[in-house]
Every structure is written in C-alpha cells, then in structure tokens.
Protein backbone atom coordinates (compact mmCIF):
# COMPACT_ATOMS: atom_id res chain seq x y z
CA MET A 1 -0.01 -0.03 0.03
CA ALA A 2 2.72 2.49 1.06
CA ASP A 3 4.76 1.64 -2.03
CA PHE A 4 1.80 2.22 -4.32
CA ILE A 5 0.96 5.61 -2.76
CA ASN A 6 4.51 6.76 -2.74
CA LYS A 7 4.87 5.81 -6.39
CA GLY A 8 1.76 7.93 -7.20
CA ILE A 9 3.11 10.82 -5.34
CA THR A 10 6.46 10.55 -7.22
CA ALA A 11 4.71 10.48 -10.56
CA TRP A 12 2.45 13.37 -9.68
CA ASN A 13 5.36 15.46 -8.45
CA LYS A 14 7.14 14.87 -11.82
CA ARG A 15 4.08 16.14 -13.66
CA ARG A 16 4.01 19.21 -11.22
CA GLU A 17 7.53 19.96 -11.95
CA ARG A 18 7.01 19.71 -15.65
CA ASP A 19 4.10 22.32 -15.33
CA GLY A 20 6.44 24.59 -13.27
CA LYS A 21 4.97 23.73 -9.93
CA PRO A 22 7.06 22.75 -6.86
CA ALA A 23 7.21 19.15 -5.81
CA LEU A 24 5.22 18.46 -2.67
CA LYS A 25 7.47 16.88 0.01
CA LEU A 26 4.88 14.11 0.92
CA TRP A 27 5.73 10.58 1.78
CA VAL A 28 3.90 7.57 3.22
CA ILE A 29 5.47 5.27 5.85
CA ILE A 30 4.50 2.21 7.78
CA SER A 31 4.86 2.79 11.44
CA LYS A 32 7.89 1.01 13.06
CA ASN A 33 6.51 1.64 16.61
CA PRO A 34 6.20 -1.77 18.24
CA ILE A 35 2.79 -0.79 19.86
CA ASP A 36 1.43 -0.26 16.28
CA ARG A 37 2.01 -3.96 15.51
CA ALA A 38 1.06 -6.88 17.71
CA ARG A 39 -0.36 -6.02 21.02
CA HIS A 40 -1.13 -8.12 24.10
CA ALA A 41 -4.32 -7.46 26.17
CA THR A 42 -2.35 -5.58 28.74
CA ASP A 43 -0.89 -3.12 26.11
CA GLN A 44 -4.35 -2.67 24.72
CA ALA A 45 -5.92 -1.85 28.15
CA LYS A 46 -3.11 0.75 28.63
CA LEU A 47 -3.99 2.43 25.45
CA ILE A 48 -7.65 2.39 26.27
CA VAL A 49 -6.91 4.19 29.60
CA GLY A 50 -4.72 6.62 27.76
CA HIS A 51 -7.71 7.36 25.30
CA LYS A 52 -5.64 6.08 22.34
CA SER A 53 -7.89 3.16 21.66
CA TRP A 54 -11.55 2.42 22.29
CA THR A 55 -11.71 -1.43 21.98
CA CYS A 56 -10.54 -4.61 23.47
CA ASN A 57 -11.00 -6.25 20.05
CA SER A 58 -8.31 -4.48 17.97
CA SER A 59 -6.91 -6.10 14.99
CA HIS A 60 -3.55 -5.08 16.34
CA MET A 61 -4.23 -7.86 18.91
CA THR A 62 -4.10 -10.49 16.15
CA ASN A 63 -0.99 -8.78 14.47
CA SER A 64 -3.27 -7.86 11.49
CA ALA A 65 -3.14 -3.95 11.68
CA ARG A 66 -0.69 -1.27 11.11
CA HIS A 67 -0.68 2.48 10.85
CA VAL A 68 0.43 3.98 7.68
CA TYR A 69 1.26 7.67 8.11
CA VAL A 70 1.37 10.59 5.75
CA THR A 71 4.56 12.61 6.33
CA PHE A 72 5.45 16.26 5.08
CA ASN A 73 8.86 17.67 4.68
CA GLY A 74 10.61 14.55 5.76
CA LYS A 75 9.94 11.02 6.64
CA SER A 76 10.04 11.61 10.32
CA ASN A 77 7.61 14.46 10.25
CA ILE A 78 4.15 12.70 10.61
CA VAL A 79 1.17 14.77 9.88
CA TRP A 80 -1.07 13.88 12.94
CA ASN A 81 -3.97 16.09 11.93
CA ILE A 82 -4.89 15.46 8.26
CA ASP A 83 -6.99 18.62 8.09
CA ARG A 84 -3.87 20.76 8.77
CA LEU A 85 -2.19 19.26 5.72
CA LYS A 86 -5.00 20.58 3.47
CA SER A 87 -4.00 24.11 4.36
CA ARG A 88 -0.33 23.39 3.71
CA ILE A 89 -0.73 21.76 0.30
CA GLY A 90 -4.00 23.11 -1.22
CA SER A 91 -7.39 21.65 -1.86
CA ASN A 92 -6.73 20.01 -5.19
CA GLU A 93 -3.51 18.45 -3.84
CA PHE A 94 -5.24 17.30 -0.67
CA ALA A 95 -8.13 15.65 -2.66
CA PHE A 96 -5.53 13.84 -4.77
CA LEU A 97 -3.66 12.53 -1.79
CA ILE A 98 -6.86 11.32 -0.10
CA SER A 99 -7.95 9.66 -3.29
CA LEU A 100 -4.54 7.91 -3.67
CA TYR A 101 -4.56 6.73 -0.08
CA ALA A 102 -8.01 5.33 -0.53
CA MET A 103 -6.85 3.59 -3.73
CA GLY A 104 -3.90 2.23 -2.02
CA MET A 105 -6.09 0.73 0.73
CA ASN A 106 -8.52 -0.84 -1.79
CA ARG A 107 -5.80 -2.14 -3.95
CA ALA A 108 -4.27 -3.91 -0.99
CA GLY A 109 -7.56 -5.18 0.20
CA LEU A 110 -7.25 -3.27 3.52
CA TYR A 111 -9.89 -1.87 5.78
CA ASN A 112 -10.17 1.05 8.16
CA PHE A 113 -10.36 0.96 11.88
CA LYS A 114 -14.13 0.29 11.79
CA GLY A 115 -13.51 -2.86 9.92
CA SER A 116 -14.94 -1.57 6.64
CA ARG A 117 -13.56 -0.53 3.26
CA GLY A 118 -12.66 3.10 2.66
CA PHE A 119 -10.23 5.64 4.00
CA LEU A 120 -11.70 7.82 6.82
CA PRO A 121 -9.30 10.81 6.84
CA ASN A 122 -11.61 12.70 9.27
CA SER A 123 -11.97 9.86 11.85
CA LYS A 124 -10.26 9.44 15.12
CA ASP A 125 -7.90 6.72 13.72
CA PRO A 126 -7.33 7.72 10.14
CA TYR A 127 -4.05 6.02 9.58
CA HIS A 128 -5.17 2.50 10.90
CA VAL A 129 -5.40 -0.07 8.15
CA GLU A 130 -6.22 -3.81 8.88
CA LEU A 131 -6.74 -7.07 7.13
CA PRO A 132 -10.37 -8.03 6.55
CA GLN A 133 -11.97 -10.25 9.19
CA SER A 134 -9.02 -10.01 11.53
CA ARG A 135 -10.96 -9.28 14.72
CA MET A 136 -11.22 -11.82 17.37
CA GLU A 137 -14.29 -13.83 18.23
CA LYS A 138 -16.26 -12.21 20.89
CA ALA A 139 -15.56 -15.04 23.39
CA ASP A 140 -11.75 -14.84 22.91
CA PRO A 141 -9.79 -14.90 26.20
CA GLN A 142 -7.64 -11.98 25.05
CA ILE A 143 -10.69 -9.70 25.06
CA THR A 144 -11.55 -10.91 28.60
CA ARG A 145 -7.93 -10.28 29.76
CA CYS A 146 -8.10 -6.76 28.28
CA PHE A 147 -11.38 -5.97 30.02
CA ALA A 148 -9.77 -7.32 33.36
CA GLU A 149 -6.54 -5.20 32.93
CA TYR A 150 -8.65 -2.03 32.11
CA ALA A 151 -10.73 -2.66 35.13
CA ARG A 152 -7.75 -3.23 37.36
CA LEU A 153 -6.04 -0.12 36.13
CA THR A 154 -9.16 2.20 36.52
CA ARG A 155 -10.84 0.44 39.55
CA ILE A 156 -7.82 -0.59 41.74
CA ASP A 157 -4.95 1.68 40.50
CA GLY A 158 -7.14 4.75 40.05
CA LYS A 159 -6.21 5.64 36.48
CA THR A 160 -8.78 7.78 34.56
CA ARG A 161 -11.63 5.99 33.04
CA ASN A 162 -12.36 6.11 29.31
CA THR A 163 -15.97 6.88 29.28
CA GLU A 164 -16.43 6.23 25.59
CA PHE A 165 -14.98 2.67 26.16
CA GLU A 166 -17.10 2.11 29.19
CA LYS A 167 -20.41 2.50 27.10
CA ILE A 168 -19.61 -0.78 25.34
CA ARG A 169 -22.21 -3.25 26.29
CA ALA A 170 -19.92 -6.29 26.57
CA PHE A 171 -17.63 -4.32 29.03
CA ARG A 172 -20.64 -2.98 31.00
CA LYS A 173 -21.63 -6.58 31.69
CA PHE A 174 -18.01 -7.54 32.61
CA ILE A 175 -17.51 -4.51 34.90
CA VAL A 176 -20.72 -5.32 36.93
CA ASP A 177 -19.35 -8.77 37.84
CA PHE A 178 -15.87 -7.38 38.40
CA GLU A 179 -17.01 -4.60 40.80
CA ALA A 180 -19.18 -7.07 42.59
CA ARG A 181 -16.17 -9.39 43.22
CA LEU A 182 -14.06 -6.45 44.25
CA LYS A 183 -16.57 -5.38 46.87
CA THR A 184 -16.80 -8.82 48.39
CA SER A 185 -13.01 -9.28 48.39
CA MET A 186 -12.59 -5.95 50.40
CA PRO A 187 -12.19 -6.21 54.20
C-alpha cells in the first residue's frame, strides 16, 4: 500500500515539476513503533486508559493491523492532523492525496479501523489499516484479559476511566461482575 501511494506521489510530483509547480514533499510510511504492530491484552488496556484506543478487540491484537502515516517535509515529520495538511498543500493536492490513499487501501484489500472499506481521513484513527475479518471472536480470552486489565487499572490503580470505552455493552456486563467481586474481596 505504502509503495503504491509513494509511487503515485512521485509520478504526480514529476507532472507538477513539468508544469513549473514545486514538488510536494509528501511521503507515506508504515509505522515501526512496536505498539502499532502486535499487542497483548495488557498493552491494549493501557492504550484504552490513555484514550488512544476504544476497543478490546483491535486487529492489532491479532497482529493484523498497522498504521500507515502521511509525512510532510521529511519521513519523520508525521502529519497527525490530516486537516492541517489541506491548508499546507492546497485543496486539489489534498483531494488527490486522499484519493490516492483510498486507492492504495482498496488495491491492497485493507480496511479502516471500523473494519470496513474506505479511507476515513476525518476519523479518530485515520491511519489505521487492517486485514479484513481480522478481529477476534467475541468470546476470545484476550478480550476478557483486556477488560480485566482495564478494570484493574481504573478501579484498583485509580487511572482515569475512558467513558467512551465504558459505554460498550460487553464491557458493562463484565464490569458489573468485576466490581461485585471487588466489593466482596475487600475487608
């Protein structure tokens, strides 16, 4: 996917230069951050507490997801807010980049963080790409371990709760039992 997009950007820049326009210093990279690759349940729970994730059923937990970042003016200059890029490069160029990113995802058969087709540039996790059907079964023990670690971090260690995560029905069922066990185990 990244190679496809980068080749598209290179070809586009050659056309721009032929037309007397400056090349845009855009590049797409696959994250090398270990947390953006395979995650354990405890890692996932910490990300939920830190408001960087909203699920205990992430495709990262099956090693089937990555983050593919857009960079500007250098490969280490990640554009965290895609809307800001629009003001830096212009509307037409921005539309081209979004289209190219979406084509790269589709061509590679990758899905967005919601587990569906299409690039979601204005979402809370735009750079997340995953393999189709890579989420765990609802009864997977990893999900329960993630729930338990999140509950321990927030109920016992006093970490701030992620209210969006706590609205998930499966978690609400889990936490009722967890809190009841916690109360009966206290002296």
